[in-house]
Amino acid sequence: MLPLDKEKLNKIAQLEKAVKNRWGNDAIQTPQSTWTDEKEQDYKKQTQQLAEKLQNNHSEEKIDQGDFFITKRLLSKESKTYCKACDSQIRTLKDEVYDKKWDCCYRCFIDYVEGREERWKKGWRPNADKENTT
């Protein structure tokens, strides 16, 4: 580490004083100055609880699916949702938002709904036009 000359030390002291004046004495204290044995014990207890929680998540019941195992929790989830207009799977958060509001994925919203919201609200769907023309 390079030695600090008197000018640099004075600059550091000025900055520290300005920080203290603006944000208070707590802003210039080091974290070690307020660390106690109680805080250390609490920290160790929290890390132990986190480690146990993570270990419990990894020890879930697994079901043999032939060449691999799947946790039982994954099999019990609801089936995936699909866009009512194009039958593609709703995958992204953006698709979920548009599915909730417009009953279609984001791509179908851009292709069929945007600019024609009233027609969509009245019940028009692209599949209905295809059925009527054949």
N, C-alpha and C. Protein backbone atom coordinates (compact mmCIF):
# COMPACT_ATOMS: atom_id res chain seq x y z
N MET A 1 0.84 -1.18 0.00
CA MET A 1 0.00 0.00 0.00
C MET A 1 0.89 1.24 0.00
N LEU A 2 0.51 2.21 -0.78
CA LEU A 2 1.29 3.45 -0.88
C LEU A 2 1.12 4.30 0.37
N PRO A 3 2.19 4.94 0.80
CA PRO A 3 2.06 5.83 1.96
C PRO A 3 1.25 7.07 1.59
N LEU A 4 0.45 7.51 2.54
CA LEU A 4 -0.37 8.70 2.31
C LEU A 4 0.36 9.93 2.82
N ASP A 5 0.40 10.94 2.00
CA ASP A 5 1.04 12.18 2.46
C ASP A 5 0.02 13.02 3.24
N LYS A 6 0.49 14.05 3.83
CA LYS A 6 -0.34 14.89 4.72
C LYS A 6 -1.51 15.51 3.95
N GLU A 7 -1.29 15.89 2.70
CA GLU A 7 -2.35 16.52 1.88
C GLU A 7 -3.50 15.54 1.63
N LYS A 8 -3.17 14.29 1.32
CA LYS A 8 -4.21 13.29 1.08
C LYS A 8 -4.97 12.97 2.37
N LEU A 9 -4.27 12.89 3.48
CA LEU A 9 -4.94 12.63 4.76
C LEU A 9 -5.90 13.75 5.11
N ASN A 10 -5.50 15.00 4.84
CA ASN A 10 -6.39 16.14 5.09
C ASN A 10 -7.64 16.08 4.21
N LYS A 11 -7.46 15.68 2.95
CA LYS A 11 -8.60 15.55 2.03
C LYS A 11 -9.57 14.48 2.53
N ILE A 12 -9.03 13.36 2.99
CA ILE A 12 -9.87 12.29 3.52
C ILE A 12 -10.64 12.78 4.75
N ALA A 13 -9.96 13.50 5.62
CA ALA A 13 -10.61 14.04 6.82
C ALA A 13 -11.73 15.02 6.46
N GLN A 14 -11.49 15.85 5.43
CA GLN A 14 -12.53 16.79 4.98
C GLN A 14 -13.75 16.04 4.45
N LEU A 15 -13.51 15.02 3.65
CA LEU A 15 -14.63 14.24 3.10
C LEU A 15 -15.41 13.54 4.21
N GLU A 16 -14.68 12.97 5.17
CA GLU A 16 -15.34 12.29 6.28
C GLU A 16 -16.18 13.28 7.10
N LYS A 17 -15.66 14.47 7.30
CA LYS A 17 -16.38 15.49 8.06
C LYS A 17 -17.64 15.92 7.30
N ALA A 18 -17.53 16.07 5.97
CA ALA A 18 -18.69 16.46 5.16
C ALA A 18 -19.77 15.37 5.19
N VAL A 19 -19.35 14.12 5.11
CA VAL A 19 -20.31 13.00 5.18
C VAL A 19 -21.00 13.00 6.54
N LYS A 20 -20.22 13.18 7.60
CA LYS A 20 -20.79 13.21 8.96
C LYS A 20 -21.79 14.35 9.12
N ASN A 21 -21.46 15.54 8.60
CA ASN A 21 -22.37 16.68 8.70
C ASN A 21 -23.67 16.44 7.94
N ARG A 22 -23.57 15.78 6.79
CA ARG A 22 -24.75 15.59 5.96
C ARG A 22 -25.63 14.42 6.42
N TRP A 23 -25.00 13.27 6.76
CA TRP A 23 -25.80 12.07 7.05
C TRP A 23 -25.68 11.57 8.48
N GLY A 24 -24.88 12.20 9.29
CA GLY A 24 -24.79 11.82 10.69
C GLY A 24 -23.59 10.92 10.98
N ASN A 25 -23.39 10.68 12.27
CA ASN A 25 -22.23 9.93 12.74
C ASN A 25 -22.27 8.46 12.28
N ASP A 26 -23.46 7.89 12.12
CA ASP A 26 -23.58 6.49 11.71
C ASP A 26 -23.01 6.25 10.32
N ALA A 27 -23.00 7.27 9.47
CA ALA A 27 -22.54 7.11 8.09
C ALA A 27 -21.03 6.90 8.00
N ILE A 28 -20.29 7.28 9.02
CA ILE A 28 -18.83 7.15 8.94
C ILE A 28 -18.30 6.03 9.84
N GLN A 29 -19.16 5.32 10.53
CA GLN A 29 -18.71 4.23 11.38
C GLN A 29 -18.47 2.97 10.56
N THR A 30 -17.53 2.17 10.99
CA THR A 30 -17.31 0.89 10.35
C THR A 30 -18.29 -0.13 10.91
N PRO A 31 -18.68 -1.12 10.15
CA PRO A 31 -19.63 -2.13 10.66
C PRO A 31 -19.10 -2.88 11.89
N GLN A 32 -17.79 -3.07 11.98
CA GLN A 32 -17.24 -3.78 13.13
C GLN A 32 -17.44 -3.04 14.44
N SER A 33 -17.58 -1.72 14.38
CA SER A 33 -17.70 -0.96 15.62
C SER A 33 -19.02 -1.22 16.34
N THR A 34 -20.04 -1.67 15.67
CA THR A 34 -21.33 -1.95 16.31
C THR A 34 -21.63 -3.45 16.39
N TRP A 35 -20.70 -4.30 15.92
CA TRP A 35 -20.91 -5.75 15.93
C TRP A 35 -20.66 -6.28 17.34
N THR A 36 -21.62 -7.06 17.85
CA THR A 36 -21.50 -7.60 19.19
C THR A 36 -21.53 -9.13 19.14
N ASP A 37 -21.25 -9.75 20.30
CA ASP A 37 -21.32 -11.21 20.38
C ASP A 37 -22.74 -11.70 20.14
N GLU A 38 -23.74 -10.94 20.60
CA GLU A 38 -25.15 -11.31 20.38
C GLU A 38 -25.47 -11.31 18.88
N LYS A 39 -25.02 -10.30 18.18
CA LYS A 39 -25.26 -10.24 16.73
C LYS A 39 -24.56 -11.39 16.03
N GLU A 40 -23.37 -11.75 16.49
CA GLU A 40 -22.63 -12.86 15.91
C GLU A 40 -23.39 -14.17 16.10
N GLN A 41 -23.91 -14.39 17.31
CA GLN A 41 -24.67 -15.61 17.58
C GLN A 41 -25.96 -15.65 16.75
N ASP A 42 -26.63 -14.51 16.63
CA ASP A 42 -27.85 -14.43 15.82
C ASP A 42 -27.55 -14.72 14.35
N TYR A 43 -26.44 -14.19 13.86
CA TYR A 43 -26.04 -14.43 12.48
C TYR A 43 -25.77 -15.92 12.24
N LYS A 44 -25.05 -16.54 13.15
CA LYS A 44 -24.75 -17.97 13.02
C LYS A 44 -26.03 -18.81 13.05
N LYS A 45 -26.96 -18.42 13.92
CA LYS A 45 -28.24 -19.14 14.02
C LYS A 45 -29.03 -19.02 12.72
N GLN A 46 -29.07 -17.83 12.13
CA GLN A 46 -29.78 -17.61 10.87
C GLN A 46 -29.16 -18.40 9.73
N THR A 47 -27.82 -18.45 9.66
CA THR A 47 -27.18 -19.22 8.59
C THR A 47 -27.43 -20.71 8.77
N GLN A 48 -27.47 -21.19 10.01
CA GLN A 48 -27.78 -22.59 10.26
C GLN A 48 -29.20 -22.92 9.83
N GLN A 49 -30.16 -22.04 10.14
CA GLN A 49 -31.56 -22.25 9.74
C GLN A 49 -31.69 -22.26 8.23
N LEU A 50 -30.99 -21.38 7.55
CA LEU A 50 -31.03 -21.34 6.09
C LEU A 50 -30.46 -22.63 5.50
N ALA A 51 -29.34 -23.10 6.06
CA ALA A 51 -28.74 -24.34 5.57
C ALA A 51 -29.70 -25.52 5.75
N GLU A 52 -30.39 -25.58 6.89
CA GLU A 52 -31.34 -26.67 7.13
C GLU A 52 -32.52 -26.58 6.17
N LYS A 53 -33.00 -25.38 5.91
CA LYS A 53 -34.11 -25.19 4.99
C LYS A 53 -33.73 -25.64 3.58
N LEU A 54 -32.54 -25.26 3.14
CA LEU A 54 -32.08 -25.66 1.81
C LEU A 54 -31.91 -27.17 1.72
N GLN A 55 -31.41 -27.77 2.79
CA GLN A 55 -31.22 -29.22 2.79
C GLN A 55 -32.56 -29.95 2.75
N ASN A 56 -33.57 -29.42 3.45
CA ASN A 56 -34.90 -30.03 3.44
C ASN A 56 -35.53 -29.96 2.06
N ASN A 57 -35.28 -28.88 1.33
CA ASN A 57 -35.81 -28.74 -0.03
C ASN A 57 -35.22 -29.78 -0.97
N HIS A 58 -33.96 -30.15 -0.73
CA HIS A 58 -33.30 -31.12 -1.60
C HIS A 58 -33.68 -32.55 -1.24
N SER A 59 -34.26 -32.76 -0.07
CA SER A 59 -34.58 -34.12 0.34
C SER A 59 -36.05 -34.45 0.12
N GLU A 60 -36.72 -33.78 -0.82
CA GLU A 60 -38.12 -34.07 -1.12
C GLU A 60 -38.24 -35.45 -1.75
N GLU A 61 -39.44 -36.00 -1.65
CA GLU A 61 -39.68 -37.32 -2.23
C GLU A 61 -39.57 -37.24 -3.75
N LYS A 62 -38.80 -38.18 -4.29
CA LYS A 62 -38.59 -38.22 -5.74
C LYS A 62 -39.27 -39.43 -6.34
N ILE A 63 -39.80 -39.27 -7.55
CA ILE A 63 -40.51 -40.34 -8.23
C ILE A 63 -39.69 -40.78 -9.43
N ASP A 64 -39.50 -42.09 -9.56
CA ASP A 64 -38.71 -42.64 -10.66
C ASP A 64 -39.51 -42.55 -11.95
N GLN A 65 -38.94 -41.89 -12.96
CA GLN A 65 -39.59 -41.75 -14.26
C GLN A 65 -38.80 -42.49 -15.33
N GLY A 66 -38.24 -43.65 -14.98
CA GLY A 66 -37.45 -44.40 -15.94
C GLY A 66 -35.99 -44.02 -15.85
N ASP A 67 -35.55 -43.11 -16.70
CA ASP A 67 -34.14 -42.72 -16.74
C ASP A 67 -33.79 -41.58 -15.79
N PHE A 68 -34.77 -40.99 -15.13
CA PHE A 68 -34.51 -39.85 -14.26
C PHE A 68 -35.53 -39.81 -13.14
N PHE A 69 -35.27 -38.95 -12.14
CA PHE A 69 -36.17 -38.77 -11.01
C PHE A 69 -36.76 -37.36 -11.05
N ILE A 70 -38.02 -37.25 -10.64
CA ILE A 70 -38.70 -35.96 -10.56
C ILE A 70 -39.27 -35.82 -9.16
N THR A 71 -39.17 -34.60 -8.59
CA THR A 71 -39.76 -34.39 -7.28
C THR A 71 -41.27 -34.44 -7.39
N LYS A 72 -41.90 -34.97 -6.38
CA LYS A 72 -43.36 -35.12 -6.37
C LYS A 72 -44.05 -33.76 -6.49
N ARG A 73 -43.43 -32.73 -5.93
CA ARG A 73 -43.99 -31.38 -5.96
C ARG A 73 -44.18 -30.89 -7.40
N LEU A 74 -43.24 -31.22 -8.29
CA LEU A 74 -43.34 -30.76 -9.67
C LEU A 74 -44.50 -31.42 -10.41
N LEU A 75 -44.81 -32.65 -10.07
CA LEU A 75 -45.89 -33.36 -10.75
C LEU A 75 -47.27 -32.89 -10.30
N SER A 76 -47.34 -32.28 -9.13
CA SER A 76 -48.64 -31.87 -8.62
C SER A 76 -49.06 -30.48 -9.06
N LYS A 77 -48.20 -29.77 -9.80
CA LYS A 77 -48.56 -28.42 -10.24
C LYS A 77 -49.62 -28.48 -11.33
N GLU A 78 -50.35 -27.38 -11.46
CA GLU A 78 -51.39 -27.29 -12.49
C GLU A 78 -50.78 -27.38 -13.87
N SER A 79 -51.58 -27.81 -14.82
CA SER A 79 -51.08 -27.91 -16.18
C SER A 79 -50.83 -26.52 -16.75
N LYS A 80 -50.01 -26.46 -17.77
CA LYS A 80 -49.66 -25.19 -18.40
C LYS A 80 -50.89 -24.61 -19.10
N THR A 81 -50.91 -23.28 -19.22
CA THR A 81 -52.01 -22.62 -19.92
C THR A 81 -51.59 -22.33 -21.35
N TYR A 82 -52.57 -22.25 -22.21
CA TYR A 82 -52.33 -22.01 -23.63
C TYR A 82 -53.15 -20.83 -24.09
N CYS A 83 -52.66 -20.13 -25.11
CA CYS A 83 -53.36 -19.00 -25.70
C CYS A 83 -54.63 -19.51 -26.37
N LYS A 84 -55.73 -18.85 -26.12
CA LYS A 84 -57.01 -19.27 -26.70
C LYS A 84 -57.11 -18.92 -28.19
N ALA A 85 -56.25 -18.02 -28.67
CA ALA A 85 -56.31 -17.63 -30.07
C ALA A 85 -55.40 -18.48 -30.95
N CYS A 86 -54.18 -18.77 -30.49
CA CYS A 86 -53.23 -19.50 -31.36
C CYS A 86 -52.78 -20.84 -30.79
N ASP A 87 -53.24 -21.21 -29.60
CA ASP A 87 -52.90 -22.48 -28.94
C ASP A 87 -51.42 -22.61 -28.59
N SER A 88 -50.66 -21.52 -28.57
CA SER A 88 -49.26 -21.61 -28.12
C SER A 88 -49.24 -21.52 -26.60
N GLN A 89 -48.19 -22.07 -26.00
CA GLN A 89 -48.09 -22.11 -24.56
C GLN A 89 -47.77 -20.72 -24.00
N ILE A 90 -48.45 -20.37 -22.91
CA ILE A 90 -48.18 -19.12 -22.20
C ILE A 90 -46.91 -19.35 -21.40
N ARG A 91 -45.80 -18.68 -21.78
CA ARG A 91 -44.51 -18.95 -21.15
C ARG A 91 -43.95 -17.79 -20.36
N THR A 92 -44.08 -16.59 -20.85
CA THR A 92 -43.44 -15.45 -20.21
C THR A 92 -44.43 -14.70 -19.34
N LEU A 93 -43.89 -13.85 -18.49
CA LEU A 93 -44.73 -13.01 -17.65
C LEU A 93 -45.58 -12.07 -18.50
N LYS A 94 -45.00 -11.58 -19.59
CA LYS A 94 -45.74 -10.70 -20.49
C LYS A 94 -46.94 -11.44 -21.08
N ASP A 95 -46.73 -12.71 -21.49
CA ASP A 95 -47.84 -13.52 -22.00
C ASP A 95 -48.92 -13.70 -20.94
N GLU A 96 -48.50 -13.94 -19.69
CA GLU A 96 -49.47 -14.13 -18.60
C GLU A 96 -50.32 -12.88 -18.39
N VAL A 97 -49.69 -11.72 -18.45
CA VAL A 97 -50.43 -10.47 -18.26
C VAL A 97 -51.48 -10.29 -19.36
N TYR A 98 -51.08 -10.51 -20.60
CA TYR A 98 -52.03 -10.34 -21.71
C TYR A 98 -53.09 -11.44 -21.70
N ASP A 99 -52.73 -12.63 -21.23
CA ASP A 99 -53.71 -13.71 -21.12
C ASP A 99 -54.78 -13.37 -20.10
N LYS A 100 -54.37 -12.79 -18.98
CA LYS A 100 -55.34 -12.40 -17.94
C LYS A 100 -56.30 -11.32 -18.44
N LYS A 101 -55.75 -10.33 -19.15
CA LYS A 101 -56.58 -9.20 -19.56
C LYS A 101 -57.32 -9.44 -20.87
N TRP A 102 -56.67 -10.08 -21.85
CA TRP A 102 -57.25 -10.18 -23.19
C TRP A 102 -57.54 -11.61 -23.64
N ASP A 103 -57.25 -12.62 -22.82
CA ASP A 103 -57.43 -14.03 -23.18
C ASP A 103 -56.61 -14.43 -24.40
N CYS A 104 -55.40 -13.90 -24.50
CA CYS A 104 -54.49 -14.27 -25.59
C CYS A 104 -53.07 -13.95 -25.16
N CYS A 105 -52.10 -14.50 -25.89
CA CYS A 105 -50.70 -14.22 -25.60
C CYS A 105 -50.32 -12.84 -26.14
N TYR A 106 -49.11 -12.42 -25.82
CA TYR A 106 -48.65 -11.10 -26.25
C TYR A 106 -48.60 -11.01 -27.77
N ARG A 107 -48.12 -12.05 -28.44
CA ARG A 107 -48.03 -12.02 -29.91
C ARG A 107 -49.40 -11.87 -30.55
N CYS A 108 -50.39 -12.60 -30.04
CA CYS A 108 -51.75 -12.47 -30.58
C CYS A 108 -52.34 -11.11 -30.28
N PHE A 109 -51.99 -10.55 -29.13
CA PHE A 109 -52.45 -9.20 -28.82
C PHE A 109 -51.95 -8.23 -29.88
N ILE A 110 -50.67 -8.33 -30.22
CA ILE A 110 -50.09 -7.45 -31.24
C ILE A 110 -50.74 -7.71 -32.60
N ASP A 111 -50.92 -8.98 -32.96
CA ASP A 111 -51.45 -9.33 -34.28
C ASP A 111 -52.94 -9.04 -34.44
N TYR A 112 -53.74 -9.31 -33.41
CA TYR A 112 -55.19 -9.29 -33.57
C TYR A 112 -55.94 -8.25 -32.73
N VAL A 113 -55.40 -7.87 -31.56
CA VAL A 113 -56.17 -7.04 -30.64
C VAL A 113 -55.78 -5.57 -30.72
N GLU A 114 -54.50 -5.28 -30.72
CA GLU A 114 -54.04 -3.89 -30.66
C GLU A 114 -54.64 -3.07 -31.80
N GLY A 115 -55.32 -2.00 -31.41
CA GLY A 115 -56.00 -1.14 -32.38
C GLY A 115 -57.42 -1.58 -32.70
N ARG A 116 -57.79 -2.79 -32.27
CA ARG A 116 -59.13 -3.34 -32.52
C ARG A 116 -59.74 -3.89 -31.22
N GLU A 117 -59.49 -3.19 -30.13
CA GLU A 117 -59.91 -3.68 -28.82
C GLU A 117 -61.42 -3.89 -28.71
N GLU A 118 -62.20 -2.97 -29.28
CA GLU A 118 -63.66 -3.09 -29.20
C GLU A 118 -64.15 -4.36 -29.89
N ARG A 119 -63.61 -4.65 -31.06
CA ARG A 119 -64.01 -5.86 -31.78
C ARG A 119 -63.66 -7.09 -30.96
N TRP A 120 -62.49 -7.09 -30.32
CA TRP A 120 -62.06 -8.23 -29.50
C TRP A 120 -62.99 -8.39 -28.30
N LYS A 121 -63.36 -7.27 -27.66
CA LYS A 121 -64.26 -7.33 -26.50
C LYS A 121 -65.64 -7.85 -26.88
N LYS A 122 -66.06 -7.62 -28.13
CA LYS A 122 -67.37 -8.10 -28.58
C LYS A 122 -67.36 -9.59 -28.91
N GLY A 123 -66.17 -10.21 -28.91
CA GLY A 123 -66.11 -11.65 -29.10
C GLY A 123 -65.43 -12.13 -30.36
N TRP A 124 -64.97 -11.23 -31.22
CA TRP A 124 -64.30 -11.67 -32.43
C TRP A 124 -63.00 -12.39 -32.09
N ARG A 125 -62.71 -13.50 -32.76
CA ARG A 125 -61.47 -14.23 -32.62
C ARG A 125 -60.99 -14.66 -34.00
N PRO A 126 -59.69 -14.75 -34.23
CA PRO A 126 -59.18 -15.11 -35.57
C PRO A 126 -59.62 -16.51 -36.00
N ASN A 127 -59.77 -17.44 -35.08
CA ASN A 127 -60.21 -18.79 -35.42
C ASN A 127 -61.65 -18.79 -35.91
N ALA A 128 -62.48 -17.87 -35.41
CA ALA A 128 -63.88 -17.81 -35.83
C ALA A 128 -63.97 -17.41 -37.30
N ASP A 129 -63.12 -16.48 -37.77
CA ASP A 129 -63.11 -16.08 -39.17
C ASP A 129 -62.69 -17.24 -40.07
N LYS A 130 -61.71 -18.02 -39.65
CA LYS A 130 -61.24 -19.15 -40.42
C LYS A 130 -62.35 -20.19 -40.58
N GLU A 131 -63.12 -20.41 -39.51
CA GLU A 131 -64.20 -21.39 -39.56
C GLU A 131 -65.32 -20.91 -40.47
N ASN A 132 -65.59 -19.61 -40.47
CA ASN A 132 -66.68 -19.07 -41.28
C ASN A 132 -66.34 -19.04 -42.76
N THR A 133 -65.05 -18.95 -43.10
CA THR A 133 -64.69 -18.84 -44.52
C THR A 133 -64.58 -20.21 -45.18
N THR A 134 -64.47 -21.29 -44.44
CA THR A 134 -64.34 -22.60 -45.06
C THR A 134 -65.66 -23.30 -45.20
